[in-house]
């Protein structure tokens, strides 16, 4: 799933950035950003999880069916940032 989130951005920055920059970005996204987003959504104690009764974000929870929400949220948000930069 982490690699899929990184490849969503590939379509956004295709032929617009250097390969080394995309390689560094992919490592940073899959090693640091994606695990934090996944934990906050999928873990029972994550602040976005619907199963965390005590500490939900804005008193709402997220149920991610089959992981597609987290993948596309992470990939889409980073693609938007890459397009702006």
PDB file of N, CA and C in Angstrom:
ATOM      1  N   UNK A   1       0.813  -1.199   0.000  1.00  0.00           N
ATOM      2  CA  UNK A   1       0.000   0.000   0.000  1.00  0.00           C
ATOM      3  C   UNK A   1       0.855   1.260   0.000  1.00  0.00           C
ATOM      4  N   UNK A   2       1.952   1.236   0.721  1.00  0.00           N
ATOM      5  CA  UNK A   2       2.809   2.420   0.797  1.00  0.00           C
ATOM      6  C   UNK A   2       3.385   2.757  -0.580  1.00  0.00           C
ATOM      7  N   UNK A   3       3.770   1.746  -1.329  1.00  0.00           N
ATOM      8  CA  UNK A   3       4.309   1.986  -2.669  1.00  0.00           C
ATOM      9  C   UNK A   3       3.239   2.548  -3.592  1.00  0.00           C
ATOM     10  N   UNK A   4       2.009   2.117  -3.421  1.00  0.00           N
ATOM     11  CA  UNK A   4       0.917   2.648  -4.236  1.00  0.00           C
ATOM     12  C   UNK A   4       0.691   4.120  -3.949  1.00  0.00           C
ATOM     13  N   UNK A   5       0.773   4.517  -2.696  1.00  0.00           N
ATOM     14  CA  UNK A   5       0.640   5.932  -2.353  1.00  0.00           C
ATOM     15  C   UNK A   5       1.742   6.753  -3.004  1.00  0.00           C
ATOM     16  N   UNK A   6       2.923   6.193  -3.092  1.00  0.00           N
ATOM     17  CA  UNK A   6       4.034   6.907  -3.723  1.00  0.00           C
ATOM     18  C   UNK A   6       3.869   6.982  -5.239  1.00  0.00           C
ATOM     19  N   UNK A   7       3.292   5.959  -5.857  1.00  0.00           N
ATOM     20  CA  UNK A   7       3.155   5.984  -7.318  1.00  0.00           C
ATOM     21  C   UNK A   7       2.010   6.871  -7.782  1.00  0.00           C
ATOM     22  N   UNK A   8       1.080   7.220  -6.913  1.00  0.00           N
ATOM     23  CA  UNK A   8       0.031   8.162  -7.295  1.00  0.00           C
ATOM     24  C   UNK A   8       0.657   9.499  -7.676  1.00  0.00           C
ATOM     25  N   UNK A   9       1.703   9.864  -6.987  1.00  0.00           N
ATOM     26  CA  UNK A   9       2.373  11.135  -7.257  1.00  0.00           C
ATOM     27  C   UNK A   9       3.175  11.068  -8.551  1.00  0.00           C
ATOM     28  N   UNK A  10       3.552   9.891  -8.980  1.00  0.00           N
ATOM     29  CA  UNK A  10       4.356   9.761 -10.197  1.00  0.00           C
ATOM     30  C   UNK A  10       3.632  10.354 -11.403  1.00  0.00           C
ATOM     31  N   UNK A  11       2.332  10.197 -11.468  1.00  0.00           N
ATOM     32  CA  UNK A  11       1.568  10.786 -12.571  1.00  0.00           C
ATOM     33  C   UNK A  11       1.525  12.299 -12.506  1.00  0.00           C
ATOM     34  N   UNK A  12       1.585  12.827 -11.307  1.00  0.00           N
ATOM     35  CA  UNK A  12       1.543  14.283 -11.143  1.00  0.00           C
ATOM     36  C   UNK A  12       2.853  14.934 -11.539  1.00  0.00           C
ATOM     37  N   UNK A  13       3.945  14.328 -11.167  1.00  0.00           N
ATOM     38  CA  UNK A  13       5.257  14.943 -11.407  1.00  0.00           C
ATOM     39  C   UNK A  13       5.995  14.312 -12.586  1.00  0.00           C
ATOM     40  N   UNK A  14       5.299  13.544 -13.406  1.00  0.00           N
ATOM     41  CA  UNK A  14       5.949  12.894 -14.541  1.00  0.00           C
ATOM     42  C   UNK A  14       6.599  13.930 -15.444  1.00  0.00           C
ATOM     43  N   UNK A  15       7.872  13.764 -15.699  1.00  0.00           N
ATOM     44  CA  UNK A  15       8.694  14.632 -16.534  1.00  0.00           C
ATOM     45  C   UNK A  15       8.798  16.061 -16.001  1.00  0.00           C
ATOM     46  N   UNK A  16       8.462  16.269 -14.719  1.00  0.00           N
ATOM     47  CA  UNK A  16       8.553  17.607 -14.142  1.00  0.00           C
ATOM     48  C   UNK A  16       9.594  17.700 -13.025  1.00  0.00           C
ATOM     49  N   UNK A  17      10.123  16.565 -12.609  1.00  0.00           N
ATOM     50  CA  UNK A  17      11.150  16.598 -11.566  1.00  0.00           C
ATOM     51  C   UNK A  17      12.238  15.593 -11.908  1.00  0.00           C
ATOM     52  N   UNK A  18      13.362  15.733 -11.247  1.00  0.00           N
ATOM     53  CA  UNK A  18      14.479  14.823 -11.488  1.00  0.00           C
ATOM     54  C   UNK A  18      14.228  13.492 -10.796  1.00  0.00           C
ATOM     55  N   UNK A  19      14.827  12.464 -11.323  1.00  0.00           N
ATOM     56  CA  UNK A  19      14.639  11.113 -10.789  1.00  0.00           C
ATOM     57  C   UNK A  19      15.156  11.002  -9.362  1.00  0.00           C
ATOM     58  N   UNK A  20      16.246  11.659  -9.054  1.00  0.00           N
ATOM     59  CA  UNK A  20      16.812  11.609  -7.706  1.00  0.00           C
ATOM     60  C   UNK A  20      15.847  12.229  -6.702  1.00  0.00           C
ATOM     61  N   UNK A  21      15.208  13.334  -7.086  1.00  0.00           N
ATOM     62  CA  UNK A  21      14.240  13.991  -6.199  1.00  0.00           C
ATOM     63  C   UNK A  21      13.037  13.078  -5.964  1.00  0.00           C
ATOM     64  N   UNK A  22      12.552  12.429  -7.010  1.00  0.00           N
ATOM     65  CA  UNK A  22      11.415  11.509  -6.858  1.00  0.00           C
ATOM     66  C   UNK A  22      11.806  10.295  -6.010  1.00  0.00           C
ATOM     67  N   UNK A  23      13.008   9.814  -6.180  1.00  0.00           N
ATOM     68  CA  UNK A  23      13.488   8.686  -5.385  1.00  0.00           C
ATOM     69  C   UNK A  23      13.554   9.045  -3.897  1.00  0.00           C
ATOM     70  N   UNK A  24      14.103  10.218  -3.602  1.00  0.00           N
ATOM     71  CA  UNK A  24      14.173  10.671  -2.198  1.00  0.00           C
ATOM     72  C   UNK A  24      12.782  10.878  -1.616  1.00  0.00           C
ATOM     73  N   UNK A  25      11.892  11.462  -2.415  1.00  0.00           N
ATOM     74  CA  UNK A  25      10.516  11.660  -1.969  1.00  0.00           C
ATOM     75  C   UNK A  25       9.843  10.325  -1.664  1.00  0.00           C
ATOM     76  N   UNK A  26      10.016   9.347  -2.544  1.00  0.00           N
ATOM     77  CA  UNK A  26       9.379   8.041  -2.355  1.00  0.00           C
ATOM     78  C   UNK A  26       9.866   7.362  -1.082  1.00  0.00           C
ATOM     79  N   UNK A  27      11.142   7.456  -0.806  1.00  0.00           N
ATOM     80  CA  UNK A  27      11.684   6.869   0.425  1.00  0.00           C
ATOM     81  C   UNK A  27      11.108   7.576   1.644  1.00  0.00           C
ATOM     82  N   UNK A  28      11.065   8.902   1.621  1.00  0.00           N
ATOM     83  CA  UNK A  28      10.526   9.659   2.755  1.00  0.00           C
ATOM     84  C   UNK A  28       9.042   9.359   2.976  1.00  0.00           C
ATOM     85  N   UNK A  29       8.277   9.300   1.899  1.00  0.00           N
ATOM     86  CA  UNK A  29       6.838   9.038   2.013  1.00  0.00           C
ATOM     87  C   UNK A  29       6.564   7.640   2.556  1.00  0.00           C
ATOM     88  N   UNK A  30       7.218   6.645   2.012  1.00  0.00           N
ATOM     89  CA  UNK A  30       6.940   5.270   2.427  1.00  0.00           C
ATOM     90  C   UNK A  30       7.552   4.908   3.774  1.00  0.00           C
ATOM     91  N   UNK A  31       8.616   5.594   4.180  1.00  0.00           N
ATOM     92  CA  UNK A  31       9.268   5.251   5.446  1.00  0.00           C
ATOM     93  C   UNK A  31       8.761   6.053   6.630  1.00  0.00           C
ATOM     94  N   UNK A  32       8.308   7.291   6.391  1.00  0.00           N
ATOM     95  CA  UNK A  32       7.954   8.150   7.528  1.00  0.00           C
ATOM     96  C   UNK A  32       6.506   8.655   7.501  1.00  0.00           C
ATOM     97  N   UNK A  33       6.053   9.180   6.391  1.00  0.00           N
ATOM     98  CA  UNK A  33       4.728   9.799   6.341  1.00  0.00           C
ATOM     99  C   UNK A  33       3.623   8.747   6.354  1.00  0.00           C
ATOM    100  N   UNK A  34       3.683   7.782   5.451  1.00  0.00           N
ATOM    101  CA  UNK A  34       2.618   6.789   5.333  1.00  0.00           C
ATOM    102  C   UNK A  34       2.404   5.986   6.621  1.00  0.00           C
ATOM    103  N   UNK A  35       3.449   5.531   7.305  1.00  0.00           N
ATOM    104  CA  UNK A  35       3.204   4.796   8.557  1.00  0.00           C
ATOM    105  C   UNK A  35       2.477   5.612   9.625  1.00  0.00           C
ATOM    106  N   UNK A  36       2.735   6.900   9.688  1.00  0.00           N
ATOM    107  CA  UNK A  36       2.048   7.751  10.671  1.00  0.00           C
ATOM    108  C   UNK A  36       0.564   7.866  10.332  1.00  0.00           C
ATOM    109  N   UNK A  37       0.259   8.078   9.056  1.00  0.00           N
ATOM    110  CA  UNK A  37      -1.139   8.184   8.630  1.00  0.00           C
ATOM    111  C   UNK A  37      -1.871   6.856   8.840  1.00  0.00           C
ATOM    112  N   UNK A  38      -1.213   5.763   8.508  1.00  0.00           N
ATOM    113  CA  UNK A  38      -1.827   4.442   8.681  1.00  0.00           C
ATOM    114  C   UNK A  38      -2.100   4.149  10.152  1.00  0.00           C
ATOM    115  N   UNK A  39      -1.151   4.448  11.005  1.00  0.00           N
ATOM    116  CA  UNK A  39      -1.343   4.180  12.427  1.00  0.00           C
ATOM    117  C   UNK A  39      -2.492   5.010  12.995  1.00  0.00           C
ATOM    118  N   UNK A  40      -2.577   6.256  12.598  1.00  0.00           N
ATOM    119  CA  UNK A  40      -3.637   7.102  13.142  1.00  0.00           C
ATOM    120  C   UNK A  40      -5.015   6.662  12.686  1.00  0.00           C
ATOM    121  N   UNK A  41      -5.106   5.933  11.574  1.00  0.00           N
ATOM    122  CA  UNK A  41      -6.398   5.480  11.069  1.00  0.00           C
ATOM    123  C   UNK A  41      -6.698   4.030  11.432  1.00  0.00           C
ATOM    124  N   UNK A  42      -5.735   3.144  11.257  1.00  0.00           N
ATOM    125  CA  UNK A  42      -5.989   1.715  11.427  1.00  0.00           C
ATOM    126  C   UNK A  42      -5.805   1.205  12.846  1.00  0.00           C
ATOM    127  N   UNK A  43      -4.962   1.826  13.646  1.00  0.00           N
ATOM    128  CA  UNK A  43      -4.713   1.337  15.006  1.00  0.00           C
ATOM    129  C   UNK A  43      -5.911   1.655  15.900  1.00  0.00           C
ATOM    130  N   UNK A  44      -6.182   0.790  16.828  1.00  0.00           N
ATOM    131  CA  UNK A  44      -7.333   1.002  17.709  1.00  0.00           C
ATOM    132  C   UNK A  44      -7.145   2.209  18.620  1.00  0.00           C
ATOM    133  N   UNK A  45      -5.893   2.639  18.832  1.00  0.00           N
ATOM    134  CA  UNK A  45      -5.657   3.833  19.641  1.00  0.00           C
ATOM    135  C   UNK A  45      -5.306   5.059  18.798  1.00  0.00           C
ATOM    136  N   UNK A  46      -5.466   4.968  17.479  1.00  0.00           N
ATOM    137  CA  UNK A  46      -5.185   6.102  16.613  1.00  0.00           C
ATOM    138  C   UNK A  46      -6.244   7.187  16.751  1.00  0.00           C
ATOM    139  N   UNK A  47      -5.843   8.440  16.585  1.00  0.00           N
ATOM    140  CA  UNK A  47      -6.778   9.537  16.831  1.00  0.00           C
ATOM    141  C   UNK A  47      -7.841   9.672  15.734  1.00  0.00           C
ATOM    142  N   UNK A  48      -7.661   9.034  14.588  1.00  0.00           N
ATOM    143  CA  UNK A  48      -8.685   9.046  13.546  1.00  0.00           C
ATOM    144  C   UNK A  48      -9.557   7.797  13.547  1.00  0.00           C
ATOM    145  N   UNK A  49      -9.212   6.809  14.334  1.00  0.00           N
ATOM    146  CA  UNK A  49      -9.919   5.537  14.340  1.00  0.00           C
ATOM    147  C   UNK A  49     -11.306   5.670  14.957  1.00  0.00           C
ATOM    148  N   UNK A  50     -12.273   4.998  14.355  1.00  0.00           N
ATOM    149  CA  UNK A  50     -13.634   4.990  14.895  1.00  0.00           C
ATOM    150  C   UNK A  50     -13.734   4.109  16.130  1.00  0.00           C
ATOM    151  N   UNK A  51     -12.733   3.276  16.343  1.00  0.00           N
ATOM    152  CA  UNK A  51     -12.759   2.342  17.478  1.00  0.00           C
ATOM    153  C   UNK A  51     -12.084   2.916  18.718  1.00  0.00           C
ATOM    154  N   UNK A  52     -11.591   4.120  18.632  1.00  0.00           N
ATOM    155  CA  UNK A  52     -10.979   4.794  19.772  1.00  0.00           C
ATOM    156  C   UNK A  52     -12.058   5.653  20.432  1.00  0.00           C
ATOM    157  N   UNK A  53     -12.720   5.105  21.402  1.00  0.00           N
ATOM    158  CA  UNK A  53     -13.833   5.796  22.050  1.00  0.00           C
ATOM    159  C   UNK A  53     -13.379   7.011  22.857  1.00  0.00           C
ATOM    160  N   UNK A  54     -12.203   6.932  23.451  1.00  0.00           N
ATOM    161  CA  UNK A  54     -11.773   7.955  24.398  1.00  0.00           C
ATOM    162  C   UNK A  54     -11.181   9.194  23.741  1.00  0.00           C
ATOM    163  N   UNK A  55     -10.536   9.041  22.597  1.00  0.00           N
ATOM    164  CA  UNK A  55      -9.738  10.149  22.081  1.00  0.00           C
ATOM    165  C   UNK A  55      -9.913  10.315  20.577  1.00  0.00           C
ATOM    166  N   UNK A  56     -11.128  10.526  20.106  1.00  0.00           N
ATOM    167  CA  UNK A  56     -11.373  10.704  18.674  1.00  0.00           C
ATOM    168  C   UNK A  56     -11.138  12.148  18.263  1.00  0.00           C
ATOM    169  N   UNK A  57     -10.743  12.315  17.018  1.00  0.00           N
ATOM    170  CA  UNK A  57     -10.536  13.648  16.458  1.00  0.00           C
ATOM    171  C   UNK A  57     -11.891  14.277  16.141  1.00  0.00           C
ATOM    172  N   UNK A  58     -12.186  15.394  16.732  1.00  0.00           N
ATOM    173  CA  UNK A  58     -13.441  16.129  16.544  1.00  0.00           C
ATOM    174  C   UNK A  58     -14.668  15.251  16.800  1.00  0.00           C
ATOM    175  N   UNK A  59     -14.516  14.308  17.699  1.00  0.00           N
ATOM    176  CA  UNK A  59     -15.581  13.389  18.103  1.00  0.00           C
ATOM    177  C   UNK A  59     -16.125  12.547  16.946  1.00  0.00           C
ATOM    178  N   UNK A  60     -15.314  12.338  15.919  1.00  0.00           N
ATOM    179  CA  UNK A  60     -15.685  11.514  14.770  1.00  0.00           C
ATOM    180  C   UNK A  60     -14.609  10.460  14.563  1.00  0.00           C
ATOM    181  N   UNK A  61     -14.974   9.359  13.947  1.00  0.00           N
ATOM    182  CA  UNK A  61     -14.012   8.317  13.644  1.00  0.00           C
ATOM    183  C   UNK A  61     -14.053   7.936  12.175  1.00  0.00           C
ATOM    184  N   UNK A  62     -12.995   7.319  11.700  1.00  0.00           N
ATOM    185  CA  UNK A  62     -12.896   6.906  10.309  1.00  0.00           C
ATOM    186  C   UNK A  62     -12.800   5.394  10.254  1.00  0.00           C
ATOM    187  N   UNK A  63     -13.605   4.779   9.402  1.00  0.00           N
ATOM    188  CA  UNK A  63     -13.486   3.350   9.116  1.00  0.00           C
ATOM    189  C   UNK A  63     -13.027   3.248   7.671  1.00  0.00           C
ATOM    190  N   UNK A  64     -11.834   2.742   7.468  1.00  0.00           N
ATOM    191  CA  UNK A  64     -11.244   2.664   6.140  1.00  0.00           C
ATOM    192  C   UNK A  64     -11.457   1.266   5.586  1.00  0.00           C
ATOM    193  N   UNK A  65     -12.269   1.157   4.552  1.00  0.00           N
ATOM    194  CA  UNK A  65     -12.556  -0.147   3.953  1.00  0.00           C
ATOM    195  C   UNK A  65     -11.416  -0.558   3.036  1.00  0.00           C
ATOM    196  N   UNK A  66     -10.748  -1.637   3.369  1.00  0.00           N
ATOM    197  CA  UNK A  66      -9.689  -2.259   2.570  1.00  0.00           C
ATOM    198  C   UNK A  66      -8.475  -1.368   2.337  1.00  0.00           C
ATOM    199  N   UNK A  67      -8.333  -0.294   3.073  1.00  0.00           N
ATOM    200  CA  UNK A  67      -7.141   0.536   2.987  1.00  0.00           C
ATOM    201  C   UNK A  67      -7.121   1.554   1.875  1.00  0.00           C
ATOM    202  N   UNK A  68      -8.176   1.622   1.063  1.00  0.00           N
ATOM    203  CA  UNK A  68      -8.149   2.529  -0.086  1.00  0.00           C
ATOM    204  C   UNK A  68      -8.200   3.997   0.323  1.00  0.00           C
ATOM    205  N   UNK A  69      -8.860   4.296   1.410  1.00  0.00           N
ATOM    206  CA  UNK A  69      -8.956   5.688   1.852  1.00  0.00           C
ATOM    207  C   UNK A  69      -7.616   6.266   2.253  1.00  0.00           C
ATOM    208  N   UNK A  70      -6.871   5.502   3.019  1.00  0.00           N
ATOM    209  CA  UNK A  70      -5.560   5.973   3.478  1.00  0.00           C
ATOM    210  C   UNK A  70      -4.595   6.112   2.311  1.00  0.00           C
ATOM    211  N   UNK A  71      -4.613   5.168   1.402  1.00  0.00           N
ATOM    212  CA  UNK A  71      -3.714   5.205   0.251  1.00  0.00           C
ATOM    213  C   UNK A  71      -3.995   6.442  -0.598  1.00  0.00           C
ATOM    214  N   UNK A  72      -5.257   6.667  -0.933  1.00  0.00           N
ATOM    215  CA  UNK A  72      -5.593   7.781  -1.811  1.00  0.00           C
ATOM    216  C   UNK A  72      -5.518   9.131  -1.100  1.00  0.00           C
ATOM    217  N   UNK A  73      -5.787   9.162   0.191  1.00  0.00           N
ATOM    218  CA  UNK A  73      -5.612  10.407   0.942  1.00  0.00           C
ATOM    219  C   UNK A  73      -4.150  10.819   0.964  1.00  0.00           C
ATOM    220  N   UNK A  74      -3.282   9.894   1.284  1.00  0.00           N
ATOM    221  CA  UNK A  74      -1.851  10.195   1.354  1.00  0.00           C
ATOM    222  C   UNK A  74      -1.291  10.539  -0.025  1.00  0.00           C
ATOM    223  N   UNK A  75      -1.606   9.713  -1.008  1.00  0.00           N
ATOM    224  CA  UNK A  75      -1.104   9.969  -2.362  1.00  0.00           C
ATOM    225  C   UNK A  75      -1.656  11.247  -2.958  1.00  0.00           C
ATOM    226  N   UNK A  76      -2.947  11.492  -2.775  1.00  0.00           N
ATOM    227  CA  UNK A  76      -3.563  12.695  -3.338  1.00  0.00           C
ATOM    228  C   UNK A  76      -3.064  13.972  -2.688  1.00  0.00           C
ATOM    229  N   UNK A  77      -2.924  13.944  -1.376  1.00  0.00           N
ATOM    230  CA  UNK A  77      -2.437  15.148  -0.675  1.00  0.00           C
ATOM    231  C   UNK A  77      -0.999  15.464  -1.072  1.00  0.00           C
ATOM    232  N   UNK A  78      -0.169  14.450  -1.162  1.00  0.00           N
ATOM    233  CA  UNK A  78       1.214  14.702  -1.556  1.00  0.00           C
ATOM    234  C   UNK A  78       1.330  15.059  -3.038  1.00  0.00           C
ATOM    235  N   UNK A  79       0.434  14.535  -3.876  1.00  0.00           N
ATOM    236  CA  UNK A  79       0.424  14.928  -5.281  1.00  0.00           C
ATOM    237  C   UNK A  79       0.038  16.394  -5.427  1.00  0.00           C
ATOM    238  N   UNK A  80      -0.921  16.840  -4.632  1.00  0.00           N
ATOM    239  CA  UNK A  80      -1.302  18.250  -4.657  1.00  0.00           C
ATOM    240  C   UNK A  80      -0.138  19.139  -4.240  1.00  0.00           C
ATOM    241  N   UNK A  81       0.554  18.743  -3.187  1.00  0.00           N
ATOM    242  CA  UNK A  81       1.721  19.518  -2.730  1.00  0.00           C
ATOM    243  C   UNK A  81       2.805  19.530  -3.802  1.00  0.00           C
ATOM    244  N   UNK A  82       3.038  18.377  -4.442  1.00  0.00           N
ATOM    245  CA  UNK A  82       4.056  18.314  -5.501  1.00  0.00           C
ATOM    246  C   UNK A  82       3.681  19.183  -6.690  1.00  0.00           C
ATOM    247  N   UNK A  83       2.394  19.243  -7.021  1.00  0.00           N
ATOM    248  CA  UNK A  83       1.967  20.079  -8.146  1.00  0.00           C
ATOM    249  C   UNK A  83       2.106  21.564  -7.816  1.00  0.00           C
ATOM    250  N   UNK A  84       1.848  21.919  -6.572  1.00  0.00           N
ATOM    251  CA  UNK A  84       1.984  23.325  -6.174  1.00  0.00           C
ATOM    252  C   UNK A  84       3.449  23.748  -6.162  1.00  0.00           C
ATOM    253  N   UNK A  85       4.308  22.859  -5.661  1.00  0.00           N
ATOM    254  CA  UNK A  85       5.737  23.171  -5.594  1.00  0.00           C
ATOM    255  C   UNK A  85       6.303  23.198  -6.996  1.00  0.00           C
TER     256      UNK A  85
END
